[in-house]
């Protein structure tokens, strides 16, 4: 019975760690796609 509870606790803890890591990766991807380096964008000059 103790082994069963231990396995269950480890599974829940591992699932929580995976969820936190997945949300961090998603947040980093969102930041990378929304940030724009304005110094690299050059406006064409007319005239």
Protein backbone atom coordinates (compact mmCIF):
# COMPACT_ATOMS: atom_id res chain seq x y z
CA UNK A 1 0.00 0.00 0.00
CA UNK A 2 2.87 2.40 0.76
CA UNK A 3 4.46 1.67 -2.61
CA UNK A 4 1.19 2.45 -4.39
CA UNK A 5 0.88 5.81 -2.62
CA UNK A 6 4.53 6.60 -3.35
CA UNK A 7 4.11 5.88 -7.06
CA UNK A 8 0.96 8.00 -7.14
CA UNK A 9 2.72 10.90 -5.40
CA UNK A 10 5.67 10.73 -7.80
CA UNK A 11 3.32 10.64 -10.80
CA UNK A 12 1.41 13.71 -9.59
CA UNK A 13 4.64 15.59 -8.82
CA UNK A 14 6.08 14.71 -12.25
CA UNK A 15 2.90 15.86 -13.94
CA UNK A 16 3.07 19.20 -12.15
CA UNK A 17 6.70 19.68 -13.18
CA UNK A 18 5.86 18.85 -16.79
CA UNK A 19 2.97 21.33 -16.79
CA UNK A 20 5.15 24.14 -15.42
CA UNK A 21 7.88 23.43 -17.96
CA UNK A 22 5.38 23.33 -20.84
CA UNK A 23 3.85 26.68 -19.86
CA UNK A 24 7.31 28.24 -19.61
CA UNK A 25 8.19 27.02 -23.11
CA UNK A 26 4.90 28.39 -24.48
CA UNK A 27 5.52 31.77 -22.81
CA UNK A 28 9.03 31.96 -24.26
CA UNK A 29 7.74 31.14 -27.75
CA UNK A 30 5.11 33.87 -27.44
CA UNK A 31 7.69 36.45 -26.40
CA UNK A 32 10.03 35.48 -29.21
CA UNK A 33 7.34 35.89 -31.85
CA UNK A 34 5.94 39.19 -30.55
CA UNK A 35 9.22 41.02 -30.05
CA UNK A 36 10.33 43.07 -33.05
CA UNK A 37 13.77 44.62 -33.33
CA UNK A 38 12.98 48.06 -34.73
CA UNK A 39 16.61 48.86 -35.51
CA UNK A 40 16.61 46.20 -38.26
CA UNK A 41 13.52 47.61 -39.98
CA UNK A 42 14.41 50.27 -42.51
CA UNK A 43 11.76 52.48 -44.03
CA UNK A 44 12.12 53.13 -47.75
CA UNK A 45 12.84 56.76 -48.61
CA UNK A 46 10.70 58.41 -51.24
CA UNK A 47 12.12 61.06 -53.50
